[in-house]
Every structure is written in structure tokens, then in C-alpha cells.
C-alpha atoms as a PDB file:
ATOM      1  CA  MET A   1      91.398  72.869 106.080  1.00  0.00           C
ATOM      2  CA  LEU A   2      88.241  74.763 107.830  1.00  0.00           C
ATOM      3  CA  LYS A   3      86.523  77.198 105.292  1.00  0.00           C
ATOM      4  CA  LEU A   4      84.148  79.808 106.805  1.00  0.00           C
ATOM      5  CA  ASN A   5      81.573  81.844 104.734  1.00  0.00           C
ATOM      6  CA  PRO A   6      83.373  85.222 104.063  1.00  0.00           C
ATOM      7  CA  GLY A   7      80.041  87.019 105.239  1.00  0.00           C
ATOM      8  CA  LEU A   8      80.172  85.199 108.814  1.00  0.00           C
ATOM      9  CA  LEU A   9      83.818  86.198 108.870  1.00  0.00           C
ATOM     10  CA  ALA A  10      83.041  89.629 108.831  1.00  0.00           C
ATOM     11  CA  LEU A  11      80.993  89.535 112.190  1.00  0.00           C
ATOM     12  CA  PRO A  12      83.865  88.832 114.783  1.00  0.00           C
ATOM     13  CA  LEU A  13      86.160  92.208 113.583  1.00  0.00           C
ATOM     14  CA  ALA A  14      83.312  94.103 113.170  1.00  0.00           C
ATOM     15  CA  ALA A  15      82.462  93.755 116.582  1.00  0.00           C
ATOM     16  CA  TRP A  16      85.771  94.192 117.738  1.00  0.00           C
ATOM     17  CA  ALA A  17      85.960  97.532 115.953  1.00  0.00           C
ATOM     18  CA  ALA A  18      82.289  98.443 116.977  1.00  0.00           C
ATOM     19  CA  LEU A  19      83.422  98.293 121.085  1.00  0.00           C
ATOM     20  CA  ILE A  20      85.597 101.234 120.985  1.00  0.00           C
ATOM     21  CA  GLY A  21      83.291 103.083 118.843  1.00  0.00           C
ATOM     22  CA  CYS A  22      80.184 102.225 120.804  1.00  0.00           C
ATOM     23  CA  ARG A  23      81.971 103.466 124.181  1.00  0.00           C
ATOM     24  CA  ALA A  24      82.767 106.814 122.285  1.00  0.00           C
ATOM     25  CA  ASN A  25      79.562 107.506 120.381  1.00  0.00           C
ATOM     26  CA  GLU A  26      76.837 105.333 122.782  1.00  0.00           C
ATOM     27  CA  ASN A  27      74.372 108.077 123.370  1.00  0.00           C
ATOM     28  CA  VAL A  28      74.672 109.617 119.751  1.00  0.00           C
ATOM     29  CA  PRO A  29      73.593 106.784 116.954  1.00  0.00           C
ATOM     30  CA  LYS A  30      73.847 108.675 114.080  1.00  0.00           C
ATOM     31  CA  TRP A  31      72.225 105.630 111.880  1.00  0.00           C
ATOM     32  CA  PRO A  32      70.642 103.382 114.633  1.00  0.00           C
ATOM     33  CA  VAL A  33      70.374  99.691 112.744  1.00  0.00           C
ATOM     34  CA  PRO A  34      68.099  97.197 114.441  1.00  0.00           C
ATOM     35  CA  ALA A  35      70.210  94.494 116.347  1.00  0.00           C
ATOM     36  CA  GLU A  36      68.741  91.393 114.559  1.00  0.00           C
ATOM     37  CA  ALA A  37      69.649  93.499 111.385  1.00  0.00           C
ATOM     38  CA  ARG A  38      73.432  93.811 112.337  1.00  0.00           C
ATOM     39  CA  GLU A  39      73.404  90.249 113.480  1.00  0.00           C
ATOM     40  CA  ARG A  40      72.565  88.554 109.754  1.00  0.00           C
ATOM     41  CA  PRO A  41      74.622  86.808 108.443  1.00  0.00           C
ATOM     42  CA  ASN A  42      75.747  86.813 104.830  1.00  0.00           C
ATOM     43  CA  PRO A  43      74.431  84.091 102.744  1.00  0.00           C
ATOM     44  CA  VAL A  44      76.140  84.856  99.585  1.00  0.00           C
ATOM     45  CA  ALA A  45      79.808  83.605  99.551  1.00  0.00           C
ATOM     46  CA  ALA A  46      82.090  86.339  98.573  1.00  0.00           C
ATOM     47  CA  SER A  47      83.186  84.276  95.057  1.00  0.00           C
ATOM     48  CA  PRO A  48      84.836  86.166  91.955  1.00  0.00           C
ATOM     49  CA  ASP A  49      81.168  86.088  90.383  1.00  0.00           C
ATOM     50  CA  SER A  50      79.428  87.409  93.055  1.00  0.00           C
ATOM     51  CA  LEU A  51      82.340  90.420  93.509  1.00  0.00           C
ATOM     52  CA  SER A  52      82.067  90.979  89.693  1.00  0.00           C
ATOM     53  CA  ALA A  53      78.187  91.248  89.819  1.00  0.00           C
ATOM     54  CA  GLY A  54      78.603  93.363  92.912  1.00  0.00           C
ATOM     55  CA  ALA A  55      81.195  95.921  91.019  1.00  0.00           C
ATOM     56  CA  LYS A  56      78.348  95.967  88.250  1.00  0.00           C
ATOM     57  CA  LEU A  57      75.897  96.735  90.320  1.00  0.00           C
ATOM     58  CA  TYR A  58      77.586  99.417  92.436  1.00  0.00           C
ATOM     59  CA  ARG A  59      78.668 101.394  89.311  1.00  0.00           C
ATOM     60  CA  GLU A  60      75.227 101.516  88.141  1.00  0.00           C
ATOM     61  CA  HIS A  61      73.199 102.267  91.298  1.00  0.00           C
ATOM     62  CA  CYS A  62      75.840 103.526  93.961  1.00  0.00           C
ATOM     63  CA  ALA A  63      78.865 105.418  91.882  1.00  0.00           C
ATOM     64  CA  ILE A  64      76.949 108.126  91.078  1.00  0.00           C
ATOM     65  CA  CYS A  65      76.912 109.682  94.870  1.00  0.00           C
ATOM     66  CA  HIS A  66      79.975 107.092  96.527  1.00  0.00           C
ATOM     67  CA  GLY A  67      82.446 107.940  93.465  1.00  0.00           C
ATOM     68  CA  VAL A  68      83.652 105.238  91.502  1.00  0.00           C
ATOM     69  CA  SER A  69      86.047 104.023  93.662  1.00  0.00           C
ATOM     70  CA  GLY A  70      83.927 104.385  96.711  1.00  0.00           C
ATOM     71  CA  ASP A  71      85.818 107.282  98.621  1.00  0.00           C
ATOM     72  CA  GLY A  72      82.587 109.359  98.296  1.00  0.00           C
ATOM     73  CA  LYS A  73      84.123 111.997  96.107  1.00  0.00           C
ATOM     74  CA  SER A  74      81.905 112.904  92.987  1.00  0.00           C
ATOM     75  CA  ALA A  75      80.424 115.737  91.008  1.00  0.00           C
ATOM     76  CA  TRP A  76      77.300 115.046  92.245  1.00  0.00           C
ATOM     77  CA  ALA A  77      78.249 114.134  95.735  1.00  0.00           C
ATOM     78  CA  GLU A  78      79.474 117.947  95.765  1.00  0.00           C
ATOM     79  CA  THR A  79      75.999 119.099  95.621  1.00  0.00           C
ATOM     80  CA  LEU A  80      74.946 117.472  98.595  1.00  0.00           C
ATOM     81  CA  PRO A  81      74.209 118.868 102.161  1.00  0.00           C
ATOM     82  CA  GLU A  82      76.077 115.907 103.622  1.00  0.00           C
ATOM     83  CA  PRO A  83      78.861 113.868 102.010  1.00  0.00           C
ATOM     84  CA  PRO A  84      78.467 110.491 101.094  1.00  0.00           C
ATOM     85  CA  ALA A  85      80.283 107.864 103.439  1.00  0.00           C
ATOM     86  CA  ASP A  86      83.960 107.052 102.356  1.00  0.00           C
ATOM     87  CA  LEU A  87      83.449 103.068 101.722  1.00  0.00           C
ATOM     88  CA  THR A  88      87.232 102.979 101.328  1.00  0.00           C
ATOM     89  CA  ASP A  89      88.099 103.906 104.795  1.00  0.00           C
ATOM     90  CA  PRO A  90      88.717 100.632 106.604  1.00  0.00           C
ATOM     91  CA  ALA A  91      87.941 101.536 109.980  1.00  0.00           C
ATOM     92  CA  HIS A  92      84.479 102.877 108.725  1.00  0.00           C
ATOM     93  CA  MET A  93      83.832  99.632 106.878  1.00  0.00           C
ATOM     94  CA  LYS A  94      84.964  97.079 109.473  1.00  0.00           C
ATOM     95  CA  ARG A  95      82.996  98.541 112.313  1.00  0.00           C
ATOM     96  CA  MET A  96      79.944  97.400 110.300  1.00  0.00           C
ATOM     97  CA  THR A  97      78.800  94.079 109.981  1.00  0.00           C
ATOM     98  CA  ASP A  98      77.250  92.271 106.516  1.00  0.00           C
ATOM     99  CA  GLY A  99      74.057  92.765 108.069  1.00  0.00           C
ATOM    100  CA  GLU A 100      74.159  96.156 109.082  1.00  0.00           C
ATOM    101  CA  ILE A 101      75.486  97.060 105.419  1.00  0.00           C
ATOM    102  CA  PHE A 102      72.529  94.831 103.961  1.00  0.00           C
ATOM    103  CA  TRP A 103      70.102  96.818 105.726  1.00  0.00           C
ATOM    104  CA  LYS A 104      71.395 100.153 105.181  1.00  0.00           C
ATOM    105  CA  ILE A 105      71.581  99.475 101.380  1.00  0.00           C
ATOM    106  CA  SER A 106      67.765  98.268 101.658  1.00  0.00           C
ATOM    107  CA  THR A 107      66.471 100.809 103.763  1.00  0.00           C
ATOM    108  CA  GLY A 108      68.283 104.005 102.893  1.00  0.00           C
ATOM    109  CA  ARG A 109      67.863 107.549 104.362  1.00  0.00           C
ATOM    110  CA  ASP A 110      67.335 110.976 103.300  1.00  0.00           C
ATOM    111  CA  LEU A 111      68.518 111.158  99.493  1.00  0.00           C
ATOM    112  CA  MET A 112      69.705 107.604  99.622  1.00  0.00           C
ATOM    113  CA  PRO A 113      66.809 105.383  98.109  1.00  0.00           C
ATOM    114  CA  PRO A 114      65.721 102.319  99.617  1.00  0.00           C
ATOM    115  CA  PHE A 115      67.203  99.795  97.507  1.00  0.00           C
ATOM    116  CA  ALA A 116      64.892  96.963  98.353  1.00  0.00           C
ATOM    117  CA  GLU A 117      62.803  98.430  95.974  1.00  0.00           C
ATOM    118  CA  ARG A 118      65.416  98.380  93.034  1.00  0.00           C
ATOM    119  CA  LEU A 119      67.379  95.255  93.610  1.00  0.00           C
ATOM    120  CA  ARG A 120      66.883  91.806  94.424  1.00  0.00           C
ATOM    121  CA  GLU A 121      67.682  90.510  97.836  1.00  0.00           C
ATOM    122  CA  GLU A 122      70.970  88.477  96.306  1.00  0.00           C
ATOM    123  CA  GLU A 123      72.068  91.608  94.429  1.00  0.00           C
ATOM    124  CA  ARG A 124      72.142  93.531  97.460  1.00  0.00           C
ATOM    125  CA  TRP A 125      74.240  90.839  99.076  1.00  0.00           C
ATOM    126  CA  GLN A 126      76.182  91.037  96.223  1.00  0.00           C
ATOM    127  CA  VAL A 127      76.891  95.015  97.136  1.00  0.00           C
ATOM    128  CA  VAL A 128      77.813  94.403 100.341  1.00  0.00           C
ATOM    129  CA  ASN A 129      80.643  91.642  99.173  1.00  0.00           C
ATOM    130  CA  TYR A 130      81.907  94.374  96.617  1.00  0.00           C
ATOM    131  CA  LEU A 131      81.865  97.014  99.077  1.00  0.00           C
ATOM    132  CA  ARG A 132      83.967  94.848 101.641  1.00  0.00           C
ATOM    133  CA  THR A 133      86.989  94.780  98.863  1.00  0.00           C
ATOM    134  CA  LEU A 134      87.053  98.627  99.346  1.00  0.00           C
ATOM    135  CA  ALA A 135      87.975  98.571 102.858  1.00  0.00           C
ATOM    136  CA  ARG A 136      91.683  96.675 102.368  1.00  0.00           C
ATOM    137  CA  PRO A 137      94.266  99.965 102.072  1.00  0.00           C
ATOM    138  CA  HIS A 138      96.269  99.069 104.964  1.00  0.00           C
ATOM    139  CA  LEU A 139      96.596  95.478 103.488  1.00  0.00           C
ATOM    140  CA  VAL A 140      97.231  96.586  99.769  1.00  0.00           C
ATOM    141  CA  ALA A 141      99.873  99.238 101.335  1.00  0.00           C
ATOM    142  CA  LEU A 142     101.534  96.390 103.490  1.00  0.00           C
ATOM    143  CA  ARG A 143     101.470  94.111 100.433  1.00  0.00           C
ATOM    144  CA  ASN A 144     102.874  96.845  98.306  1.00  0.00           C
ATOM    145  CA  VAL A 145     105.739  97.458 100.916  1.00  0.00           C
ATOM    146  CA  THR A 146     106.647  94.401 101.922  1.00  0.00           C
ATOM    147  CA  ARG A 147     106.146  92.370  98.205  1.00  0.00           C
ATOM    148  CA  GLU A 148     104.476  89.324 100.083  1.00  0.00           C
ATOM    149  CA  THR A 149     101.035  88.649 101.274  1.00  0.00           C
ATOM    150  CA  ALA A 150      99.264  90.539 103.599  1.00  0.00           C
ATOM    151  CA  ASN A 151      96.653  89.482 105.902  1.00  0.00           C
ATOM    152  CA  LEU A 152      94.486  90.596 108.796  1.00  0.00           C
ATOM    153  CA  VAL A 153      93.237  88.201 111.469  1.00  0.00           C
ATOM    154  CA  VAL A 154      91.400  87.693 114.317  1.00  0.00           C
ATOM    155  CA  ARG A 155      91.399  85.530 117.281  1.00  0.00           C
ATOM    156  CA  ASP A 156      88.394  82.780 117.853  1.00  0.00           C
ATOM    157  CA  GLY A 157      89.074  80.514 120.803  1.00  0.00           C
ATOM    158  CA  LEU A 158      92.311  78.438 120.524  1.00  0.00           C
ATOM    159  CA  ASP A 159      92.221  79.488 116.513  1.00  0.00           C
ATOM    160  CA  ALA A 160      93.150  82.102 114.655  1.00  0.00           C
ATOM    161  CA  VAL A 161      90.722  83.124 111.609  1.00  0.00           C
ATOM    162  CA  TYR A 162      92.176  84.984 108.368  1.00  0.00           C
ATOM    163  CA  LEU A 163      89.269  87.851 107.765  1.00  0.00           C
ATOM    164  CA  ASP A 164      90.988  89.107 104.759  1.00  0.00           C
ATOM    165  CA  GLN A 165      94.003  88.653 102.485  1.00  0.00           C
ATOM    166  CA  VAL A 166      95.965  90.744  99.630  1.00  0.00           C
ATOM    167  CA  GLU A 167      98.253  88.840  98.060  1.00  0.00           C
ATOM    168  CA  SER A 168     101.907  89.255  96.849  1.00  0.00           C
ATOM    169  CA  GLN A 169     101.833  89.939  93.277  1.00  0.00           C
ATOM    170  CA  ARG A 170     104.918  87.763  92.792  1.00  0.00           C
ATOM    171  CA  SER A 171     105.295  84.584  91.118  1.00  0.00           C
ATOM    172  CA  LEU A 172     105.682  82.519  93.922  1.00  0.00           C
ATOM    173  CA  ARG A 173     103.075  83.931  96.768  1.00  0.00           C
ATOM    174  CA  HIS A 174     100.708  82.787  99.505  1.00  0.00           C
ATOM    175  CA  SER A 175      97.009  82.941  98.395  1.00  0.00           C
ATOM    176  CA  GLY A 176      93.474  81.113  99.686  1.00  0.00           C
ATOM    177  CA  TRP A 177      94.170  81.807 103.318  1.00  0.00           C
ATOM    178  CA  SER A 178      90.805  84.200 103.777  1.00  0.00           C
ATOM    179  CA  GLY A 179      88.731  82.233 106.168  1.00  0.00           C
ATOM    180  CA  ARG A 180      91.187  79.703 106.759  1.00  0.00           C
ATOM    181  CA  ALA A 181      91.867  78.634 110.659  1.00  0.00           C
ATOM    182  CA  ILE A 182      94.955  77.943 112.412  1.00  0.00           C
ATOM    183  CA  PRO A 183      96.138  76.974 115.690  1.00  0.00           C
ATOM    184  CA  ILE A 184      97.332  79.511 118.001  1.00  0.00           C
ATOM    185  CA  ALA A 185      99.847  77.495 119.151  1.00  0.00           C
ATOM    186  CA  GLY A 186     103.258  77.825 118.382  1.00  0.00           C
ATOM    187  CA  THR A 187     102.665  80.068 115.420  1.00  0.00           C
ATOM    188  CA  ALA A 188     103.657  83.889 114.921  1.00  0.00           C
ATOM    189  CA  THR A 189      99.945  85.090 114.484  1.00  0.00           C
ATOM    190  CA  GLY A 190      99.198  83.079 117.636  1.00  0.00           C
ATOM    191  CA  ALA A 191     102.046  85.046 119.227  1.00  0.00           C
ATOM    192  CA  ALA A 192     101.116  88.167 118.224  1.00  0.00           C
ATOM    193  CA  LEU A 193      97.255  87.397 119.400  1.00  0.00           C
ATOM    194  CA  SER A 194      98.248  86.407 122.741  1.00  0.00           C
ATOM    195  CA  GLY A 195     101.165  88.680 123.507  1.00  0.00           C
ATOM    196  CA  GLU A 196     101.947  92.411 123.781  1.00  0.00           C
ATOM    197  CA  PHE A 197     102.320  94.760 121.071  1.00  0.00           C
ATOM    198  CA  GLY A 198     105.460  93.978 118.737  1.00  0.00           C
ATOM    199  CA  ALA A 199     106.146  92.444 115.571  1.00  0.00           C
ATOM    200  CA  LYS A 200     106.723  87.935 115.920  1.00  0.00           C
ATOM    201  CA  VAL A 201     108.327  85.929 114.043  1.00  0.00           C
ATOM    202  CA  ALA A 202     107.560  82.151 113.421  1.00  0.00           C
ATOM    203  CA  ALA A 203     109.355  79.670 110.544  1.00  0.00           C
ATOM    204  CA  ASP A 204     107.950  76.691 109.369  1.00  0.00           C
ATOM    205  CA  ALA A 205     104.876  76.631 112.219  1.00  0.00           C
ATOM    206  CA  VAL A 206     101.912  76.329 109.845  1.00  0.00           C
ATOM    207  CA  GLU A 207     103.642  74.991 106.496  1.00  0.00           C
ATOM    208  CA  SER A 208     107.336  74.148 105.900  1.00  0.00           C
ATOM    209  CA  GLY A 209     109.094  76.942 103.979  1.00  0.00           C
ATOM    210  CA  VAL A 210     106.677  79.407 105.175  1.00  0.00           C
ATOM    211  CA  THR A 211     107.572  82.505 107.571  1.00  0.00           C
ATOM    212  CA  ALA A 212     105.001  84.510 109.045  1.00  0.00           C
ATOM    213  CA  VAL A 213     105.461  88.062 110.706  1.00  0.00           C
ATOM    214  CA  ALA A 214     102.506  89.327 112.686  1.00  0.00           C
ATOM    215  CA  CYS A 215     101.813  92.097 115.123  1.00  0.00           C
ATOM    216  CA  ARG A 216      99.016  92.516 117.505  1.00  0.00           C
ATOM    217  CA  ILE A 217      96.600  95.531 116.660  1.00  0.00           C
ATOM    218  CA  PRO A 218      96.952  97.704 119.859  1.00  0.00           C
ATOM    219  CA  ILE A 219      93.165  98.282 120.758  1.00  0.00           C
ATOM    220  CA  ASP A 220      92.628  97.796 124.771  1.00  0.00           C
ATOM    221  CA  HIS A 221      89.501  95.946 126.170  1.00  0.00           C
ATOM    222  CA  ALA A 222      88.746  94.718 122.528  1.00  0.00           C
ATOM    223  CA  PRO A 223      89.090  90.986 121.044  1.00  0.00           C
ATOM    224  CA  ALA A 224      92.296  90.422 119.635  1.00  0.00           C
ATOM    225  CA  ALA A 225      93.231  91.151 116.085  1.00  0.00           C
ATOM    226  CA  ALA A 226      96.662  91.461 114.042  1.00  0.00           C
ATOM    227  CA  VAL A 227      97.864  92.023 110.684  1.00  0.00           C
ATOM    228  CA  SER A 228     100.571  89.774 109.460  1.00  0.00           C
ATOM    229  CA  VAL A 229     102.649  88.958 106.101  1.00  0.00           C
ATOM    230  CA  ILE A 230     103.688  85.724 105.027  1.00  0.00           C
ATOM    231  CA  GLY A 231     105.906  84.470 102.429  1.00  0.00           C
ATOM    232  CA  PRO A 232     108.770  82.111 101.610  1.00  0.00           C
ATOM    233  CA  THR A 233     111.327  81.493 104.289  1.00  0.00           C
ATOM    234  CA  PHE A 234     114.148  82.196 101.495  1.00  0.00           C
ATOM    235  CA  ARG A 235     112.959  85.272 100.590  1.00  0.00           C
ATOM    236  CA  LEU A 236     112.113  86.467 104.346  1.00  0.00           C
ATOM    237  CA  ARG A 237     115.605  86.883 106.182  1.00  0.00           C
ATOM    238  CA  GLY A 238     118.322  89.352 107.119  1.00  0.00           C
ATOM    239  CA  SER A 239     117.615  92.953 106.683  1.00  0.00           C
ATOM    240  CA  ILE A 240     114.435  92.207 104.681  1.00  0.00           C
ATOM    241  CA  LEU A 241     112.808  90.545 107.659  1.00  0.00           C
ATOM    242  CA  GLN A 242     113.957  93.366 109.874  1.00  0.00           C
ATOM    243  CA  HIS A 243     112.342  95.609 107.042  1.00  0.00           C
ATOM    244  CA  VAL A 244     109.059  93.159 107.144  1.00  0.00           C
ATOM    245  CA  ARG A 245     108.931  93.668 110.983  1.00  0.00           C
ATOM    246  CA  THR A 246     109.061  97.014 110.913  1.00  0.00           C
ATOM    247  CA  GLU A 247     106.314  97.764 108.150  1.00  0.00           C
ATOM    248  CA  VAL A 248     104.122  95.010 109.669  1.00  0.00           C
ATOM    249  CA  GLU A 249     104.157  96.992 113.254  1.00  0.00           C
ATOM    250  CA  SER A 250     103.447 100.177 111.290  1.00  0.00           C
ATOM    251  CA  ALA A 251     100.127  98.849 109.799  1.00  0.00           C
ATOM    252  CA  ALA A 252      99.162  97.510 113.342  1.00  0.00           C
ATOM    253  CA  ARG A 253      99.469 101.023 114.730  1.00  0.00           C
ATOM    254  CA  ARG A 254      97.989 102.624 111.700  1.00  0.00           C
ATOM    255  CA  ILE A 255      94.819 100.603 111.882  1.00  0.00           C
ATOM    256  CA  ALA A 256      94.549 101.350 115.418  1.00  0.00           C
ATOM    257  CA  GLU A 257      94.719 105.077 114.851  1.00  0.00           C
ATOM    258  CA  ASP A 258      91.805 104.662 112.343  1.00  0.00           C
ATOM    259  CA  LEU A 259      90.020 102.907 114.645  1.00  0.00           C
ATOM    260  CA  HIS A 260      90.442 105.564 117.504  1.00  0.00           C
ATOM    261  CA  ARG A 261      89.424 108.203 114.834  1.00  0.00           C
ATOM    262  CA  ALA A 262      86.434 106.656 113.628  1.00  0.00           C
ATOM    263  CA  ALA A 263      85.308 106.192 117.278  1.00  0.00           C
ATOM    264  CA  GLU A 264      85.907 109.664 117.957  1.00  0.00           C
ATOM    265  CA  HIS A 265      83.973 110.567 114.773  1.00  0.00           C
ATOM    266  CA  GLY A 266      81.000 108.517 114.704  1.00  0.00           C
ATOM    267  CA  PRO A 267      79.968 105.768 111.457  1.00  0.00           C
ATOM    268  CA  TYR A 268      78.532 108.228 109.546  1.00  0.00           C
END
């Protein structure tokens, strides 16, 4: 099964989110980033070792301003003339490519130092990978309310690529789908990406005994993206399945609302 570099996977959705952001703020870039920097791919895979190293570096160099959880709330932040960015905001993070985050970490601005002078290149990419893990509250909430694995998916030609995944905490669960590409034809995700808003359901489409519930994120004039839940078919039936359908649709709406809100206020 196809596996893609997690850094590269961030690009399609970031470009998708940026489409509406650029329309709202195209004449007022608050922190302009060179095009070549935005397009720079992430050479460091988001492995457990990379994320662990990134977390350590974040705590040592970034948490004093951006907060331990990345929400921009800290004692030091309260003294700054402009509050640090909320790195847990999914709309804010998804609209930036890995290359853009890397460039901002490296160059700094105002009171944020240029970390190219403090951290090696690999270490800065590790921080990027860790920051990506902060932009997942909608998937976490969807996993918690459905108790099944939640996913963020984007269309790539005739395939759907899983950009991010928050695993179910049950002993029998689906994992390791980040970076996985599946055919659009005959799948719930494909139906969601290709059709109108609303939860789509398919059983046994990709794997036997697996049911998927997917819903397109309702953003006009942008490449298709969707949120989905996958779990064992024996658990996703009847009233439980209907509950999951409702929650998946709600998550898709909330993500769209956050993207619209970010477009109005800008990335910083």
C-alpha cells in the first residue's frame, strides 16, 4: 500500500485551506513568506522519534511564549504587545505548509528569535512535525464522541489520501492509515469527496468487516477534503451508525467554520 512522506501530505490541505484565506486577505499579508519557502517539502518523516525530539525542543525553546500546550497562553505571553499564535488552532495550522512553518521558525520576527541560529536544520523540521500534532482538536473530539478512529482526507486525482488520523482507544481499532491512498470509486470517502454535503456510508469497500462514514468539508471553490470515521462493521450499526453520521457531519461543519473564520482574520 502506498506510503507518502507526512511532510508532503501537509501540502495539499494547506493549499486547500489557503485558497479561501488568500481571497479574504490577499492584499494584506501579515507575515509574507517567499514562495520557494512555502513549497519546500519536509525531509524529516514524522516518526515517533522525530515527534519526541520535536516535543523536547518545543518545551525548551517555544513553550515559554506559545504555552506548554501551544495555545499561546503563558505568563510570558501576557507581557507581549502582540499575543503569540495559537498553534492548536486547526484552521491556522492547516493553512500553512510545512515549508512555511519551517521558514518562520528559522527566520523569526520581532521578539521571536531566528532559530536558524540556535537549532540545526533537522531539529527545526522536528519542531515542525511536532507542531502538526497540535492541530488536531476536531479529530480528537470526533474520536472521543464516536469512540472510533477519525481521519482527515483530501482528494488526489482518482485517489483519496489520508492526511491525519486520531486512533480509537479501543483494543480493536484501525490505525496506520496516515499516508495511505485509497481509490475514490466505491468508497464512502470517495462518495463524500465527489458529492454534495452529507454523511456517506460504505461497508467492506476497502477492507472486509470495515465500515467508513465520511462527509465532505463544505468549502466552496476549493479542492475537496473530507472528515471520516472508520471502525468494525459489527460496531457501526443501527442507532450507533446514525449517531456517527451525525457527528461526522457536525465535525465537517465545524472545520469549515474555522477555515472561514481564519480567512477573515488572517493567519497571524
